Amino acid sequence: MGLLARKTGYRGCGGVRGGQGHEVPVHGEIHTITGGFSGGGCTVSQRRRYARAVMLVQAQRTDDAFDVDLVFTKADLQDVVPHDNDPVVILVVTTGRKVHRVLVDQGSSTDVMFWTTFNKLQLSPNMLRPYGGCLYGFAGNQVEVHRHLELRTTFTDGTASHTESIRYLVVNASSAYNMLLGRPTLNRLGAVPLMRHMKMKLPDLAGKVITIKSDWKEAKRCYENNLKTKRGVFMVTTRPPYIKEVPQPEVSCIETA
C-alpha cells in the first residue's frame, strides 16, 4: 500500500481541532493510495457505482454470517515458535490443488496471483478477463498485469471450511509467494489474522470458528527470499508515474501441491 502526501496550510499547536497540539509545525498530510477491486474498479464511473451500492447495502446489511466472536487466547500461543515479526503465510485450496506460500497481506488493496502460479495450476488462458488498471512498485518498476480471473478458493483447518469466489490480478513479477490475499478477501471472509499468534481466524457459514495456522518455516523462508530479490512492494494506481522499462526476472520459489 502506498503513501501520498498532500500539502496543507500551517497548523501550530493551537490550530489543531480537538485541542490536541503538535510539538512541531504540520506541513502536510499523509494519505493512502488504494486501487484494484476494493474501490469498485479502476475507472471513475465504476467507483461511483460502487460507492452508491455500498451506501444501499450498508442500510440493509445484518452481518448474521459474521456474528461470531473471533478470540485469540494464550492457548493459541502454545504451538508458536518465537519469531522476528514473520508474516502470516497459509495454505489454500483452489481448482483441486493445495497452494502453499499464500501471504496474508492486510496492506494490499487487491488479491494477487503470480503468473508462474497460474501456469503451475494449469489454468486455461481463456479464463483471464481484461483489467484496465496498472500495477507499479514503490521504486517505480512496472509490473506486467496478465488480466484477472475469478476462482473458488477454500480456507480450511481440517475440521471446518469456508469457500469464496476471489478475483485475482494475475501479474508477472518476482516473488517468493504464490499468491497475496489482500483486504477485499479478508473483509469478505470476516477473517482476522494475527502475527503474534501466527494464525488467521474466520467464521464458516455454520457459525464455527476456523483457525488456520501459519507455516512459520515457509514464512521465514519466503521473507528471506524476497529480501534477496530486492523487489518493491506493489500498489495499484490508475495514473502511472514516469518510469523506465526494466526487464522482469522470472519468479522463483513457487510451490504448488
C-alpha atoms as a PDB file:
ATOM      1  CA  MET A   1       0.000   0.000   0.000  1.00  0.00           C
ATOM      2  CA  GLY A   2       1.416   3.347  -0.996  1.00  0.00           C
ATOM      3  CA  LEU A   3       1.538   6.720   0.652  1.00  0.00           C
ATOM      4  CA  LEU A   4       0.635  10.072  -0.829  1.00  0.00           C
ATOM      5  CA  ALA A   5       1.395  13.479   0.672  1.00  0.00           C
ATOM      6  CA  ARG A   6      -0.931  16.447   0.162  1.00  0.00           C
ATOM      7  CA  LYS A   7       0.237  19.947   1.023  1.00  0.00           C
ATOM      8  CA  THR A   8      -1.818  21.804   3.558  1.00  0.00           C
ATOM      9  CA  GLY A   9      -1.575  25.076   5.391  1.00  0.00           C
ATOM     10  CA  TYR A  10       0.455  25.557   8.534  1.00  0.00           C
ATOM     11  CA  ARG A  11      -1.103  24.342  11.748  1.00  0.00           C
ATOM     12  CA  GLY A  12       0.507  25.234  15.015  1.00  0.00           C
ATOM     13  CA  CYS A  13      -0.206  23.770  18.423  1.00  0.00           C
ATOM     14  CA  GLY A  14      -3.332  25.842  18.801  1.00  0.00           C
ATOM     15  CA  GLY A  15      -4.609  25.253  15.263  1.00  0.00           C
ATOM     16  CA  VAL A  16      -5.419  21.548  15.599  1.00  0.00           C
ATOM     17  CA  ARG A  17      -9.007  20.524  16.085  1.00  0.00           C
ATOM     18  CA  GLY A  18      -9.947  18.980  19.386  1.00  0.00           C
ATOM     19  CA  GLY A  19      -7.292  20.919  21.273  1.00  0.00           C
ATOM     20  CA  GLN A  20      -4.586  18.315  20.580  1.00  0.00           C
ATOM     21  CA  GLY A  21      -1.340  20.148  19.876  1.00  0.00           C
ATOM     22  CA  HIS A  22       1.823  19.195  17.989  1.00  0.00           C
ATOM     23  CA  GLU A  23       5.373  19.776  19.084  1.00  0.00           C
ATOM     24  CA  VAL A  24       6.400  20.728  15.532  1.00  0.00           C
ATOM     25  CA  PRO A  25       4.558  22.564  12.720  1.00  0.00           C
ATOM     26  CA  VAL A  26       2.352  20.419  10.476  1.00  0.00           C
ATOM     27  CA  HIS A  27       3.365  20.880   6.831  1.00  0.00           C
ATOM     28  CA  GLY A  28       1.256  18.189   5.175  1.00  0.00           C
ATOM     29  CA  GLU A  29      -0.949  15.150   5.472  1.00  0.00           C
ATOM     30  CA  ILE A  30      -0.236  11.528   4.522  1.00  0.00           C
ATOM     31  CA  HIS A  31      -2.961   9.613   2.724  1.00  0.00           C
ATOM     32  CA  THR A  32      -3.058   6.083   1.395  1.00  0.00           C
ATOM     33  CA  ILE A  33      -3.179   5.117  -2.260  1.00  0.00           C
ATOM     34  CA  THR A  34      -5.796   2.449  -2.932  1.00  0.00           C
ATOM     35  CA  GLY A  35      -6.831   0.613  -6.058  1.00  0.00           C
ATOM     36  CA  GLY A  36      -7.676  -2.760  -7.514  1.00  0.00           C
ATOM     37  CA  PHE A  37     -11.188  -4.080  -6.977  1.00  0.00           C
ATOM     38  CA  SER A  38     -11.546  -2.888  -3.379  1.00  0.00           C
ATOM     39  CA  GLY A  39     -12.791   0.525  -4.521  1.00  0.00           C
ATOM     40  CA  GLY A  40     -15.163  -0.821  -7.162  1.00  0.00           C
ATOM     41  CA  GLY A  41     -12.816  -0.716 -10.159  1.00  0.00           C
ATOM     42  CA  CYS A  42     -10.183   1.315 -11.973  1.00  0.00           C
ATOM     43  CA  THR A  43     -12.472   3.926 -13.575  1.00  0.00           C
ATOM     44  CA  VAL A  44     -14.292   6.873 -12.027  1.00  0.00           C
ATOM     45  CA  SER A  45     -17.724   5.595 -13.092  1.00  0.00           C
ATOM     46  CA  GLN A  46     -17.063   2.162 -11.549  1.00  0.00           C
ATOM     47  CA  ARG A  47     -16.007   3.721  -8.264  1.00  0.00           C
ATOM     48  CA  ARG A  48     -19.091   5.957  -8.197  1.00  0.00           C
ATOM     49  CA  ARG A  49     -21.416   2.991  -8.773  1.00  0.00           C
ATOM     50  CA  TYR A  50     -19.586   1.084  -6.049  1.00  0.00           C
ATOM     51  CA  ALA A  51     -19.960   3.959  -3.566  1.00  0.00           C
ATOM     52  CA  ARG A  52     -23.714   4.156  -4.221  1.00  0.00           C
ATOM     53  CA  ALA A  53     -24.076   0.387  -3.833  1.00  0.00           C
ATOM     54  CA  VAL A  54     -22.150   0.427  -0.540  1.00  0.00           C
ATOM     55  CA  MET A  55     -24.486   3.050   0.912  1.00  0.00           C
ATOM     56  CA  LEU A  56     -27.509   0.963  -0.096  1.00  0.00           C
ATOM     57  CA  VAL A  57     -26.145  -2.331   1.222  1.00  0.00           C
ATOM     58  CA  GLN A  58     -24.951  -0.757   4.467  1.00  0.00           C
ATOM     59  CA  ALA A  59     -28.514   0.238   5.297  1.00  0.00           C
ATOM     60  CA  GLN A  60     -29.815  -3.316   4.704  1.00  0.00           C
ATOM     61  CA  ARG A  61     -26.914  -5.459   5.955  1.00  0.00           C
ATOM     62  CA  THR A  62     -27.353  -7.548   9.108  1.00  0.00           C
ATOM     63  CA  ASP A  63     -23.999  -9.402   9.167  1.00  0.00           C
ATOM     64  CA  ASP A  64     -25.614 -12.513  10.658  1.00  0.00           C
ATOM     65  CA  ALA A  65     -22.985 -14.693   8.990  1.00  0.00           C
ATOM     66  CA  PHE A  66     -20.203 -12.863  10.853  1.00  0.00           C
ATOM     67  CA  ASP A  67     -21.899 -12.750  14.254  1.00  0.00           C
ATOM     68  CA  VAL A  68     -19.120 -14.909  15.708  1.00  0.00           C
ATOM     69  CA  ASP A  69     -16.538 -13.987  18.326  1.00  0.00           C
ATOM     70  CA  LEU A  70     -13.015 -14.432  16.948  1.00  0.00           C
ATOM     71  CA  VAL A  71     -10.875 -14.644  20.079  1.00  0.00           C
ATOM     72  CA  PHE A  72      -7.128 -15.241  20.374  1.00  0.00           C
ATOM     73  CA  THR A  73      -6.058 -16.726  23.711  1.00  0.00           C
ATOM     74  CA  LYS A  74      -2.863 -17.954  25.365  1.00  0.00           C
ATOM     75  CA  ALA A  75      -3.709 -21.428  24.106  1.00  0.00           C
ATOM     76  CA  ASP A  76      -3.152 -20.148  20.561  1.00  0.00           C
ATOM     77  CA  LEU A  77       0.454 -19.335  21.511  1.00  0.00           C
ATOM     78  CA  GLN A  78       1.388 -22.813  22.724  1.00  0.00           C
ATOM     79  CA  ASP A  79       2.453 -24.106  19.302  1.00  0.00           C
ATOM     80  CA  VAL A  80       4.039 -20.838  18.126  1.00  0.00           C
ATOM     81  CA  VAL A  81       7.801 -20.758  17.663  1.00  0.00           C
ATOM     82  CA  PRO A  82       9.368 -17.422  18.721  1.00  0.00           C
ATOM     83  CA  HIS A  83       9.831 -15.354  15.580  1.00  0.00           C
ATOM     84  CA  ASP A  84      11.061 -11.952  14.395  1.00  0.00           C
ATOM     85  CA  ASN A  85       7.819 -10.419  13.113  1.00  0.00           C
ATOM     86  CA  ASP A  86       7.306 -13.104  10.489  1.00  0.00           C
ATOM     87  CA  PRO A  87       4.242 -12.616   8.268  1.00  0.00           C
ATOM     88  CA  VAL A  88       1.220 -14.911   8.216  1.00  0.00           C
ATOM     89  CA  VAL A  89       1.659 -17.400   5.369  1.00  0.00           C
ATOM     90  CA  ILE A  90      -1.063 -20.004   4.842  1.00  0.00           C
ATOM     91  CA  LEU A  91      -2.243 -22.774   2.546  1.00  0.00           C
ATOM     92  CA  VAL A  92      -5.430 -22.579   0.469  1.00  0.00           C
ATOM     93  CA  VAL A  93      -7.185 -24.962  -1.905  1.00  0.00           C
ATOM     94  CA  THR A  94      -8.275 -23.926  -5.391  1.00  0.00           C
ATOM     95  CA  THR A  95      -9.015 -25.782  -8.640  1.00  0.00           C
ATOM     96  CA  GLY A  96      -8.494 -29.066  -6.784  1.00  0.00           C
ATOM     97  CA  ARG A  97      -4.933 -28.219  -5.727  1.00  0.00           C
ATOM     98  CA  LYS A  98      -3.305 -27.148  -2.483  1.00  0.00           C
ATOM     99  CA  VAL A  99      -1.446 -23.880  -2.932  1.00  0.00           C
ATOM    100  CA  HIS A 100       1.309 -23.175  -0.407  1.00  0.00           C
ATOM    101  CA  ARG A 101       3.057 -19.872   0.340  1.00  0.00           C
ATOM    102  CA  VAL A 102      -0.008 -17.626   0.310  1.00  0.00           C
ATOM    103  CA  LEU A 103       0.778 -14.323   2.035  1.00  0.00           C
ATOM    104  CA  VAL A 104      -1.965 -12.704   4.116  1.00  0.00           C
ATOM    105  CA  ASP A 105      -1.314  -9.034   3.313  1.00  0.00           C
ATOM    106  CA  GLN A 106      -3.530  -6.527   5.131  1.00  0.00           C
ATOM    107  CA  GLY A 107      -1.682  -3.712   3.377  1.00  0.00           C
ATOM    108  CA  SER A 108      -2.785  -4.801  -0.097  1.00  0.00           C
ATOM    109  CA  SER A 109      -5.926  -3.372  -1.673  1.00  0.00           C
ATOM    110  CA  THR A 110      -6.152  -6.270  -4.126  1.00  0.00           C
ATOM    111  CA  ASP A 111      -5.667 -10.036  -4.316  1.00  0.00           C
ATOM    112  CA  VAL A 112      -2.745 -11.147  -6.476  1.00  0.00           C
ATOM    113  CA  MET A 113      -1.815 -14.379  -8.230  1.00  0.00           C
ATOM    114  CA  PHE A 114       1.623 -14.553  -9.794  1.00  0.00           C
ATOM    115  CA  TRP A 115       1.948 -15.698 -13.405  1.00  0.00           C
ATOM    116  CA  THR A 116       4.108 -18.711 -12.553  1.00  0.00           C
ATOM    117  CA  THR A 117       1.448 -19.906 -10.116  1.00  0.00           C
ATOM    118  CA  PHE A 118      -1.184 -19.525 -12.838  1.00  0.00           C
ATOM    119  CA  ASN A 119       0.887 -21.826 -15.067  1.00  0.00           C
ATOM    120  CA  LYS A 120       1.538 -24.310 -12.252  1.00  0.00           C
ATOM    121  CA  LEU A 121      -2.216 -24.610 -11.697  1.00  0.00           C
ATOM    122  CA  GLN A 122      -2.544 -25.479 -15.408  1.00  0.00           C
ATOM    123  CA  LEU A 123      -5.334 -22.981 -15.894  1.00  0.00           C
ATOM    124  CA  SER A 124      -6.634 -22.042 -19.329  1.00  0.00           C
ATOM    125  CA  PRO A 125      -5.768 -18.558 -20.649  1.00  0.00           C
ATOM    126  CA  ASN A 126      -9.413 -18.316 -21.698  1.00  0.00           C
ATOM    127  CA  MET A 127     -10.263 -17.814 -18.015  1.00  0.00           C
ATOM    128  CA  LEU A 128      -8.470 -14.458 -17.972  1.00  0.00           C
ATOM    129  CA  ARG A 129     -10.573 -11.296 -18.208  1.00  0.00           C
ATOM    130  CA  PRO A 130      -9.484  -7.752 -19.119  1.00  0.00           C
ATOM    131  CA  TYR A 131      -8.299  -5.369 -16.433  1.00  0.00           C
ATOM    132  CA  GLY A 132      -7.881  -1.674 -17.162  1.00  0.00           C
ATOM    133  CA  GLY A 133      -5.639  -0.676 -14.246  1.00  0.00           C
ATOM    134  CA  CYS A 134      -1.869  -0.772 -13.848  1.00  0.00           C
ATOM    135  CA  LEU A 135       0.371  -2.228 -11.178  1.00  0.00           C
ATOM    136  CA  TYR A 136       3.516  -0.472 -10.057  1.00  0.00           C
ATOM    137  CA  GLY A 137       6.112  -0.851  -7.336  1.00  0.00           C
ATOM    138  CA  PHE A 138       7.174   1.851  -4.902  1.00  0.00           C
ATOM    139  CA  ALA A 139      10.523   2.101  -6.694  1.00  0.00           C
ATOM    140  CA  GLY A 140       8.731   2.940  -9.961  1.00  0.00           C
ATOM    141  CA  ASN A 141       9.216  -0.503 -11.506  1.00  0.00           C
ATOM    142  CA  GLN A 142       6.273  -1.571 -13.655  1.00  0.00           C
ATOM    143  CA  VAL A 143       4.702  -4.987 -13.150  1.00  0.00           C
ATOM    144  CA  GLU A 144       3.054  -6.698 -16.074  1.00  0.00           C
ATOM    145  CA  VAL A 145      -0.616  -7.474 -15.462  1.00  0.00           C
ATOM    146  CA  HIS A 146      -1.976 -10.592 -17.195  1.00  0.00           C
ATOM    147  CA  ARG A 147      -5.579  -9.523 -16.688  1.00  0.00           C
ATOM    148  CA  HIS A 148      -7.585 -11.115 -13.858  1.00  0.00           C
ATOM    149  CA  LEU A 149      -9.609 -14.228 -13.112  1.00  0.00           C
ATOM    150  CA  GLU A 150     -12.101 -15.468 -10.538  1.00  0.00           C
ATOM    151  CA  LEU A 151     -11.509 -18.737  -8.684  1.00  0.00           C
ATOM    152  CA  ARG A 152     -13.360 -20.591  -5.954  1.00  0.00           C
ATOM    153  CA  THR A 153     -10.888 -20.717  -3.074  1.00  0.00           C
ATOM    154  CA  THR A 154     -11.262 -22.804   0.087  1.00  0.00           C
ATOM    155  CA  PHE A 155      -9.906 -21.972   3.538  1.00  0.00           C
ATOM    156  CA  THR A 156      -9.860 -24.888   5.969  1.00  0.00           C
ATOM    157  CA  ASP A 157      -8.305 -26.067   9.211  1.00  0.00           C
ATOM    158  CA  GLY A 158      -9.212 -29.722   8.640  1.00  0.00           C
ATOM    159  CA  THR A 159     -12.417 -29.641  10.675  1.00  0.00           C
ATOM    160  CA  ALA A 160     -14.347 -26.789   9.034  1.00  0.00           C
ATOM    161  CA  SER A 161     -14.022 -24.852   5.796  1.00  0.00           C
ATOM    162  CA  HIS A 162     -15.156 -21.709   4.011  1.00  0.00           C
ATOM    163  CA  THR A 163     -15.165 -21.381   0.215  1.00  0.00           C
ATOM    164  CA  GLU A 164     -15.327 -18.000  -1.509  1.00  0.00           C
ATOM    165  CA  SER A 165     -15.028 -16.720  -5.073  1.00  0.00           C
ATOM    166  CA  ILE A 166     -11.942 -14.492  -5.274  1.00  0.00           C
ATOM    167  CA  ARG A 167     -10.874 -12.185  -8.080  1.00  0.00           C
ATOM    168  CA  TYR A 168      -7.096 -12.319  -8.530  1.00  0.00           C
ATOM    169  CA  LEU A 169      -4.994  -9.886 -10.507  1.00  0.00           C
ATOM    170  CA  VAL A 170      -2.553 -12.074 -12.433  1.00  0.00           C
ATOM    171  CA  VAL A 171       0.858 -10.401 -12.619  1.00  0.00           C
ATOM    172  CA  ASN A 172       4.300 -11.300 -13.895  1.00  0.00           C
ATOM    173  CA  ALA A 173       6.685 -10.362 -11.096  1.00  0.00           C
ATOM    174  CA  SER A 174       9.380 -11.868  -8.954  1.00  0.00           C
ATOM    175  CA  SER A 175       8.099 -13.123  -5.603  1.00  0.00           C
ATOM    176  CA  ALA A 176       8.738 -15.930  -3.156  1.00  0.00           C
ATOM    177  CA  TYR A 177       4.968 -16.187  -2.625  1.00  0.00           C
ATOM    178  CA  ASN A 178       2.420 -17.896  -4.839  1.00  0.00           C
ATOM    179  CA  MET A 179      -0.437 -15.514  -4.076  1.00  0.00           C
ATOM    180  CA  LEU A 180      -1.260 -12.460  -1.966  1.00  0.00           C
ATOM    181  CA  LEU A 181      -4.545 -12.190  -0.076  1.00  0.00           C
ATOM    182  CA  GLY A 182      -5.476  -8.544   0.438  1.00  0.00           C
ATOM    183  CA  ARG A 183      -8.210  -6.608   2.191  1.00  0.00           C
ATOM    184  CA  PRO A 184     -11.019  -7.467  -0.270  1.00  0.00           C
ATOM    185  CA  THR A 185     -10.886 -11.167   0.589  1.00  0.00           C
ATOM    186  CA  LEU A 186     -10.161 -10.682   4.294  1.00  0.00           C
ATOM    187  CA  ASN A 187     -13.173  -8.406   4.665  1.00  0.00           C
ATOM    188  CA  ARG A 188     -15.427 -10.707   2.665  1.00  0.00           C
ATOM    189  CA  LEU A 189     -14.413 -13.676   4.790  1.00  0.00           C
ATOM    190  CA  GLY A 190     -14.667 -11.733   8.050  1.00  0.00           C
ATOM    191  CA  ALA A 191     -11.139 -13.012   8.716  1.00  0.00           C
ATOM    192  CA  VAL A 192      -8.753 -11.755  11.404  1.00  0.00           C
ATOM    193  CA  PRO A 193      -5.014 -12.563  11.051  1.00  0.00           C
ATOM    194  CA  LEU A 194      -2.674 -12.055  13.994  1.00  0.00           C
ATOM    195  CA  MET A 195       1.093 -12.180  13.558  1.00  0.00           C
ATOM    196  CA  ARG A 196       1.941 -12.747  17.199  1.00  0.00           C
ATOM    197  CA  HIS A 197      -0.153 -15.921  17.246  1.00  0.00           C
ATOM    198  CA  MET A 198       0.813 -16.818  13.636  1.00  0.00           C
ATOM    199  CA  LYS A 199      -2.795 -17.689  12.858  1.00  0.00           C
ATOM    200  CA  MET A 200      -5.814 -16.454  10.945  1.00  0.00           C
ATOM    201  CA  LYS A 201      -9.348 -16.979  12.233  1.00  0.00           C
ATOM    202  CA  LEU A 202     -12.588 -16.723  10.283  1.00  0.00           C
ATOM    203  CA  PRO A 203     -16.159 -17.981  10.643  1.00  0.00           C
ATOM    204  CA  ASP A 204     -17.739 -20.660   8.498  1.00  0.00           C
ATOM    205  CA  LEU A 205     -21.342 -20.460   7.326  1.00  0.00           C
ATOM    206  CA  ALA A 206     -22.496 -22.555  10.311  1.00  0.00           C
ATOM    207  CA  GLY A 207     -21.005 -20.136  12.826  1.00  0.00           C
ATOM    208  CA  LYS A 208     -17.969 -22.251  13.706  1.00  0.00           C
ATOM    209  CA  VAL A 209     -14.548 -20.612  14.021  1.00  0.00           C
ATOM    210  CA  ILE A 210     -11.916 -21.786  11.538  1.00  0.00           C
ATOM    211  CA  THR A 211      -8.330 -21.449  12.807  1.00  0.00           C
ATOM    212  CA  ILE A 212      -5.687 -21.589  10.080  1.00  0.00           C
ATOM    213  CA  LYS A 213      -2.108 -21.879  11.302  1.00  0.00           C
ATOM    214  CA  SER A 214       0.688 -20.037   9.552  1.00  0.00           C
ATOM    215  CA  ASP A 215       3.575 -22.127   8.264  1.00  0.00           C
ATOM    216  CA  TRP A 216       6.367 -20.354  10.128  1.00  0.00           C
ATOM    217  CA  LYS A 217       9.119 -22.184   8.226  1.00  0.00           C
ATOM    218  CA  GLU A 218       7.687 -21.110   4.879  1.00  0.00           C
ATOM    219  CA  ALA A 219       7.065 -17.605   6.202  1.00  0.00           C
ATOM    220  CA  LYS A 220      10.697 -17.165   7.220  1.00  0.00           C
ATOM    221  CA  ARG A 221      11.995 -18.742   4.004  1.00  0.00           C
ATOM    222  CA  CYS A 222       9.767 -16.572   1.799  1.00  0.00           C
ATOM    223  CA  TYR A 223      10.705 -13.412   3.671  1.00  0.00           C
ATOM    224  CA  GLU A 224      14.420 -14.114   3.273  1.00  0.00           C
ATOM    225  CA  ASN A 225      13.989 -14.967  -0.416  1.00  0.00           C
ATOM    226  CA  ASN A 226      12.030 -11.767  -1.001  1.00  0.00           C
ATOM    227  CA  LEU A 227      14.885  -9.746   0.507  1.00  0.00           C
ATOM    228  CA  LYS A 228      17.279 -11.406  -1.945  1.00  0.00           C
ATOM    229  CA  THR A 229      15.148 -10.444  -4.942  1.00  0.00           C
ATOM    230  CA  LYS A 230      15.191  -6.765  -3.847  1.00  0.00           C
ATOM    231  CA  ARG A 231      11.795  -6.091  -5.375  1.00  0.00           C
ATOM    232  CA  GLY A 232       9.437  -3.274  -4.429  1.00  0.00           C
ATOM    233  CA  VAL A 233       6.051  -3.649  -2.766  1.00  0.00           C
ATOM    234  CA  PHE A 234       3.079  -3.404  -5.138  1.00  0.00           C
ATOM    235  CA  MET A 235       0.478  -0.693  -5.276  1.00  0.00           C
ATOM    236  CA  VAL A 236      -2.365  -0.172  -7.730  1.00  0.00           C
ATOM    237  CA  THR A 237      -2.715   3.201  -9.438  1.00  0.00           C
ATOM    238  CA  THR A 238      -4.671   4.476 -12.436  1.00  0.00           C
ATOM    239  CA  ARG A 239      -2.136   7.189 -13.282  1.00  0.00           C
ATOM    240  CA  PRO A 240       1.290   5.588 -13.705  1.00  0.00           C
ATOM    241  CA  PRO A 241       4.366   7.596 -12.708  1.00  0.00           C
ATOM    242  CA  TYR A 242       7.139   8.306 -15.159  1.00  0.00           C
ATOM    243  CA  ILE A 243       9.256   5.168 -15.246  1.00  0.00           C
ATOM    244  CA  LYS A 244      11.801   3.458 -17.435  1.00  0.00           C
ATOM    245  CA  GLU A 245      11.070  -0.004 -18.758  1.00  0.00           C
ATOM    246  CA  VAL A 246      13.049  -2.664 -16.937  1.00  0.00           C
ATOM    247  CA  PRO A 247      13.210  -6.403 -17.696  1.00  0.00           C
ATOM    248  CA  GLN A 248      11.229  -8.611 -15.341  1.00  0.00           C
ATOM    249  CA  PRO A 249      13.134 -11.534 -13.785  1.00  0.00           C
ATOM    250  CA  GLU A 250      11.424 -14.881 -13.611  1.00  0.00           C
ATOM    251  CA  VAL A 251       9.531 -15.865 -10.481  1.00  0.00           C
ATOM    252  CA  SER A 252      11.345 -18.172  -8.067  1.00  0.00           C
ATOM    253  CA  CYS A 253      10.379 -20.364  -5.133  1.00  0.00           C
ATOM    254  CA  ILE A 254       6.944 -21.326  -6.457  1.00  0.00           C
ATOM    255  CA  GLU A 255       5.419 -24.425  -4.940  1.00  0.00           C
ATOM    256  CA  THR A 256       2.007 -25.899  -5.521  1.00  0.00           C
ATOM    257  CA  ALA A 257       0.803 -29.272  -4.397  1.00  0.00           C
END
